[in-house]
Amino acid sequence: MEGNLGAISVPLWVVAIASALQTLILIGVLIGALRMYRGVSEKLADVQARQIDPLRGQVERILVDVQAIASRLNTQTERVDHAISGTMERVDETAERVKHSVRGRVAQATGVVMGLRAVIMSLLGNGSRTETSAEATGRV
C-alpha cells in the first residue's frame, strides 16, 4: 500500500502547490484591483472638485436668474393682459357710443334732407301730392 500511496502523493502535492499559487495570484489580483479602485476614486473626487462643483455652482446661479426672469415675465404678462382687456373694453364702449351718436345724426340729417326735398318738390309742383308723400316716407 505504501507504493500505491507514494504514487498518489506526488500528484496531490502538485495539485496543492497549484492551488496555493492560484490563491496567491487571486490575492495579488484583488490587491491590484483595490489599488486601481482607490486610484479611480481619487481621480473622480479630483475631477468633481475641480470641474463639476464649479459648474454646478454656475448652473444653480443660472437657474436662480432664470426663475427671477420667469417671475418678472409672468408679472409683466399679467399687467399687459390686464391693460389690453381694459383697453378693449373702452374701445367697445367708445364704438357703441360712436355708433349711437352717428345713427342719431344720420337719422336727423336724413330727416332734414327728406324734409327739404319735400319742400322743394312742393314748391316746384313736379308731382302729385300722393307721390310726394310716398317719396318722403321712402316707399318709392
C-alpha atoms as a PDB file:
ATOM      1  CA  MET A   1       0.000   0.000   0.000  1.00  0.00           C
ATOM      2  CA  GLU A   2       2.899   2.273   0.554  1.00  0.00           C
ATOM      3  CA  GLY A   3       3.921   2.077  -3.032  1.00  0.00           C
ATOM      4  CA  ASN A   4       0.490   2.927  -4.006  1.00  0.00           C
ATOM      5  CA  LEU A   5       0.378   5.897  -1.619  1.00  0.00           C
ATOM      6  CA  GLY A   6       3.657   7.206  -2.963  1.00  0.00           C
ATOM      7  CA  ALA A   7       2.289   7.222  -6.493  1.00  0.00           C
ATOM      8  CA  ILE A   8      -0.749   9.176  -5.380  1.00  0.00           C
ATOM      9  CA  SER A   9       1.094  11.645  -3.112  1.00  0.00           C
ATOM     10  CA  VAL A  10       3.115  13.258  -5.920  1.00  0.00           C
ATOM     11  CA  PRO A  11       0.091  14.403  -7.928  1.00  0.00           C
ATOM     12  CA  LEU A  12      -1.550  15.565  -4.687  1.00  0.00           C
ATOM     13  CA  TRP A  13       1.491  17.713  -3.957  1.00  0.00           C
ATOM     14  CA  VAL A  14       1.324  19.140  -7.465  1.00  0.00           C
ATOM     15  CA  VAL A  15      -2.386  19.974  -7.039  1.00  0.00           C
ATOM     16  CA  ALA A  16      -1.752  21.516  -3.608  1.00  0.00           C
ATOM     17  CA  ILE A  17       1.097  23.693  -4.932  1.00  0.00           C
ATOM     18  CA  ALA A  18      -1.024  24.726  -7.934  1.00  0.00           C
ATOM     19  CA  SER A  19      -3.923  25.653  -5.625  1.00  0.00           C
ATOM     20  CA  ALA A  20      -1.584  27.671  -3.408  1.00  0.00           C
ATOM     21  CA  LEU A  21      -0.206  29.511  -6.465  1.00  0.00           C
ATOM     22  CA  GLN A  22      -3.729  30.220  -7.715  1.00  0.00           C
ATOM     23  CA  THR A  23      -4.656  31.565  -4.294  1.00  0.00           C
ATOM     24  CA  LEU A  24      -1.598  33.838  -4.270  1.00  0.00           C
ATOM     25  CA  ILE A  25      -2.389  35.050  -7.802  1.00  0.00           C
ATOM     26  CA  LEU A  26      -6.008  35.794  -6.849  1.00  0.00           C
ATOM     27  CA  ILE A  27      -4.833  37.707  -3.772  1.00  0.00           C
ATOM     28  CA  GLY A  28      -2.455  39.697  -5.997  1.00  0.00           C
ATOM     29  CA  VAL A  29      -5.249  40.456  -8.483  1.00  0.00           C
ATOM     30  CA  LEU A  30      -7.506  41.507  -5.613  1.00  0.00           C
ATOM     31  CA  ILE A  31      -4.817  43.849  -4.219  1.00  0.00           C
ATOM     32  CA  GLY A  32      -4.233  45.319  -7.693  1.00  0.00           C
ATOM     33  CA  ALA A  33      -7.973  45.835  -8.233  1.00  0.00           C
ATOM     34  CA  LEU A  34      -8.262  47.509  -4.833  1.00  0.00           C
ATOM     35  CA  ARG A  35      -5.388  49.878  -5.685  1.00  0.00           C
ATOM     36  CA  MET A  36      -6.992  50.671  -9.062  1.00  0.00           C
ATOM     37  CA  TYR A  37     -10.325  51.325  -7.376  1.00  0.00           C
ATOM     38  CA  ARG A  38      -8.705  53.721  -4.906  1.00  0.00           C
ATOM     39  CA  GLY A  39      -6.851  55.491  -7.726  1.00  0.00           C
ATOM     40  CA  VAL A  40     -10.004  55.855  -9.814  1.00  0.00           C
ATOM     41  CA  SER A  41     -11.945  57.081  -6.763  1.00  0.00           C
ATOM     42  CA  GLU A  42      -9.266  59.714  -6.079  1.00  0.00           C
ATOM     43  CA  LYS A  43      -9.305  60.809  -9.736  1.00  0.00           C
ATOM     44  CA  LEU A  44     -13.115  61.084  -9.711  1.00  0.00           C
ATOM     45  CA  ALA A  45     -13.043  63.089  -6.486  1.00  0.00           C
ATOM     46  CA  ASP A  46     -10.400  65.364  -8.016  1.00  0.00           C
ATOM     47  CA  VAL A  47     -12.402  65.851 -11.222  1.00  0.00           C
ATOM     48  CA  GLN A  48     -15.523  66.559  -9.208  1.00  0.00           C
ATOM     49  CA  ALA A  49     -13.735  69.095  -7.014  1.00  0.00           C
ATOM     50  CA  ARG A  50     -12.026  70.881  -9.935  1.00  0.00           C
ATOM     51  CA  GLN A  51     -14.670  70.769 -12.656  1.00  0.00           C
ATOM     52  CA  ILE A  52     -18.088  69.509 -11.619  1.00  0.00           C
ATOM     53  CA  ASP A  53     -18.550  71.545  -8.427  1.00  0.00           C
ATOM     54  CA  PRO A  54     -17.796  74.912 -10.110  1.00  0.00           C
ATOM     55  CA  LEU A  55     -20.140  74.005 -12.966  1.00  0.00           C
ATOM     56  CA  ARG A  56     -22.841  73.030 -10.506  1.00  0.00           C
ATOM     57  CA  GLY A  57     -22.498  76.413  -8.805  1.00  0.00           C
ATOM     58  CA  GLN A  58     -22.772  78.221 -12.131  1.00  0.00           C
ATOM     59  CA  VAL A  59     -25.815  76.185 -13.140  1.00  0.00           C
ATOM     60  CA  GLU A  60     -27.507  76.948  -9.814  1.00  0.00           C
ATOM     61  CA  ARG A  61     -26.859  80.681 -10.269  1.00  0.00           C
ATOM     62  CA  ILE A  62     -28.244  80.499 -13.811  1.00  0.00           C
ATOM     63  CA  LEU A  63     -31.347  78.687 -12.555  1.00  0.00           C
ATOM     64  CA  VAL A  64     -31.917  81.371  -9.931  1.00  0.00           C
ATOM     65  CA  ASP A  65     -31.625  84.040 -12.646  1.00  0.00           C
ATOM     66  CA  VAL A  66     -33.992  82.140 -14.936  1.00  0.00           C
ATOM     67  CA  GLN A  67     -36.539  81.791 -12.146  1.00  0.00           C
ATOM     68  CA  ALA A  68     -36.341  85.526 -11.413  1.00  0.00           C
ATOM     69  CA  ILE A  69     -36.751  86.351 -15.108  1.00  0.00           C
ATOM     70  CA  ALA A  70     -39.697  83.957 -15.411  1.00  0.00           C
ATOM     71  CA  SER A  71     -41.340  85.544 -12.392  1.00  0.00           C
ATOM     72  CA  ARG A  72     -40.897  89.055 -13.806  1.00  0.00           C
ATOM     73  CA  LEU A  73     -42.130  87.912 -17.196  1.00  0.00           C
ATOM     74  CA  ASN A  74     -45.209  86.389 -15.609  1.00  0.00           C
ATOM     75  CA  THR A  75     -45.928  89.613 -13.732  1.00  0.00           C
ATOM     76  CA  GLN A  76     -45.440  91.737 -16.851  1.00  0.00           C
ATOM     77  CA  THR A  77     -47.628  89.384 -18.890  1.00  0.00           C
ATOM     78  CA  GLU A  78     -50.424  89.725 -16.353  1.00  0.00           C
ATOM     79  CA  ARG A  79     -50.091  93.518 -16.429  1.00  0.00           C
ATOM     80  CA  VAL A  80     -50.158  93.629 -20.235  1.00  0.00           C
ATOM     81  CA  ASP A  81     -53.134  91.276 -20.337  1.00  0.00           C
ATOM     82  CA  HIS A  82     -54.999  93.445 -17.855  1.00  0.00           C
ATOM     83  CA  ALA A  83     -54.138  96.607 -19.805  1.00  0.00           C
ATOM     84  CA  ILE A  84     -55.249  95.054 -23.111  1.00  0.00           C
ATOM     85  CA  SER A  85     -58.503  93.825 -21.568  1.00  0.00           C
ATOM     86  CA  GLY A  86     -59.222  97.285 -20.167  1.00  0.00           C
ATOM     87  CA  THR A  87     -58.373  98.938 -23.475  1.00  0.00           C
ATOM     88  CA  MET A  88     -60.603  96.551 -25.406  1.00  0.00           C
ATOM     89  CA  GLU A  89     -63.492  97.266 -23.053  1.00  0.00           C
ATOM     90  CA  ARG A  90     -63.013 101.016 -23.530  1.00  0.00           C
ATOM     91  CA  VAL A  91     -62.799 100.591 -27.309  1.00  0.00           C
ATOM     92  CA  ASP A  92     -66.051  98.608 -27.292  1.00  0.00           C
ATOM     93  CA  GLU A  93     -67.763 101.266 -25.185  1.00  0.00           C
ATOM     94  CA  THR A  94     -66.469 104.029 -27.439  1.00  0.00           C
ATOM     95  CA  ALA A  95     -67.585 102.152 -30.566  1.00  0.00           C
ATOM     96  CA  GLU A  96     -71.080 101.782 -29.121  1.00  0.00           C
ATOM     97  CA  ARG A  97     -71.211 105.494 -28.257  1.00  0.00           C
ATOM     98  CA  VAL A  98     -69.991 106.464 -31.721  1.00  0.00           C
ATOM     99  CA  LYS A  99     -72.473 104.111 -33.345  1.00  0.00           C
ATOM    100  CA  HIS A 100     -75.411 105.557 -31.413  1.00  0.00           C
ATOM    101  CA  SER A 101     -74.198 109.096 -31.974  1.00  0.00           C
ATOM    102  CA  VAL A 102     -73.706 108.582 -35.711  1.00  0.00           C
ATOM    103  CA  ARG A 103     -77.068 106.838 -36.072  1.00  0.00           C
ATOM    104  CA  GLY A 104     -78.790 109.741 -34.380  1.00  0.00           C
ATOM    105  CA  ARG A 105     -77.044 112.312 -36.529  1.00  0.00           C
ATOM    106  CA  VAL A 106     -77.594 110.338 -39.735  1.00  0.00           C
ATOM    107  CA  ALA A 107     -81.279 109.968 -38.857  1.00  0.00           C
ATOM    108  CA  GLN A 108     -81.503 113.715 -38.243  1.00  0.00           C
ATOM    109  CA  ALA A 109     -79.645 114.508 -41.461  1.00  0.00           C
ATOM    110  CA  THR A 110     -81.855 112.096 -43.402  1.00  0.00           C
ATOM    111  CA  GLY A 111     -84.935 113.713 -41.924  1.00  0.00           C
ATOM    112  CA  VAL A 112     -83.685 117.175 -42.819  1.00  0.00           C
ATOM    113  CA  VAL A 113     -82.821 116.108 -46.382  1.00  0.00           C
ATOM    114  CA  MET A 114     -86.183 114.434 -46.858  1.00  0.00           C
ATOM    115  CA  GLY A 115     -87.935 117.486 -45.461  1.00  0.00           C
ATOM    116  CA  LEU A 116     -86.009 119.777 -47.801  1.00  0.00           C
ATOM    117  CA  ARG A 117     -86.810 117.522 -50.690  1.00  0.00           C
ATOM    118  CA  ALA A 118     -90.471 117.549 -49.808  1.00  0.00           C
ATOM    119  CA  VAL A 119     -90.386 121.347 -49.591  1.00  0.00           C
ATOM    120  CA  ILE A 120     -88.602 121.653 -52.935  1.00  0.00           C
ATOM    121  CA  MET A 121     -90.945 119.167 -54.554  1.00  0.00           C
ATOM    122  CA  SER A 122     -93.991 121.015 -53.270  1.00  0.00           C
ATOM    123  CA  LEU A 123     -92.568 124.364 -54.376  1.00  0.00           C
ATOM    124  CA  LEU A 124     -91.765 123.079 -57.812  1.00  0.00           C
ATOM    125  CA  GLY A 125     -95.025 121.229 -58.093  1.00  0.00           C
ATOM    126  CA  ASN A 126     -93.436 118.369 -60.051  1.00  0.00           C
ATOM    127  CA  GLY A 127     -95.521 115.593 -58.663  1.00  0.00           C
ATOM    128  CA  SER A 128     -98.863 114.862 -57.285  1.00  0.00           C
ATOM    129  CA  ARG A 129     -99.430 115.141 -53.579  1.00  0.00           C
ATOM    130  CA  THR A 130     -99.569 111.366 -53.098  1.00  0.00           C
ATOM    131  CA  GLU A 131     -96.270 110.799 -54.868  1.00  0.00           C
ATOM    132  CA  THR A 132     -94.544 113.441 -52.760  1.00  0.00           C
ATOM    133  CA  SER A 133     -95.767 111.948 -49.515  1.00  0.00           C
ATOM    134  CA  ALA A 134     -94.793 108.444 -50.714  1.00  0.00           C
ATOM    135  CA  GLU A 135     -91.307 109.638 -51.622  1.00  0.00           C
ATOM    136  CA  ALA A 136     -90.942 111.427 -48.306  1.00  0.00           C
ATOM    137  CA  THR A 137     -91.625 108.261 -46.397  1.00  0.00           C
ATOM    138  CA  GLY A 138     -89.252 106.254 -48.572  1.00  0.00           C
ATOM    139  CA  ARG A 139     -91.842 103.951 -50.158  1.00  0.00           C
ATOM    140  CA  VAL A 140     -90.888 104.670 -53.741  1.00  0.00           C
END
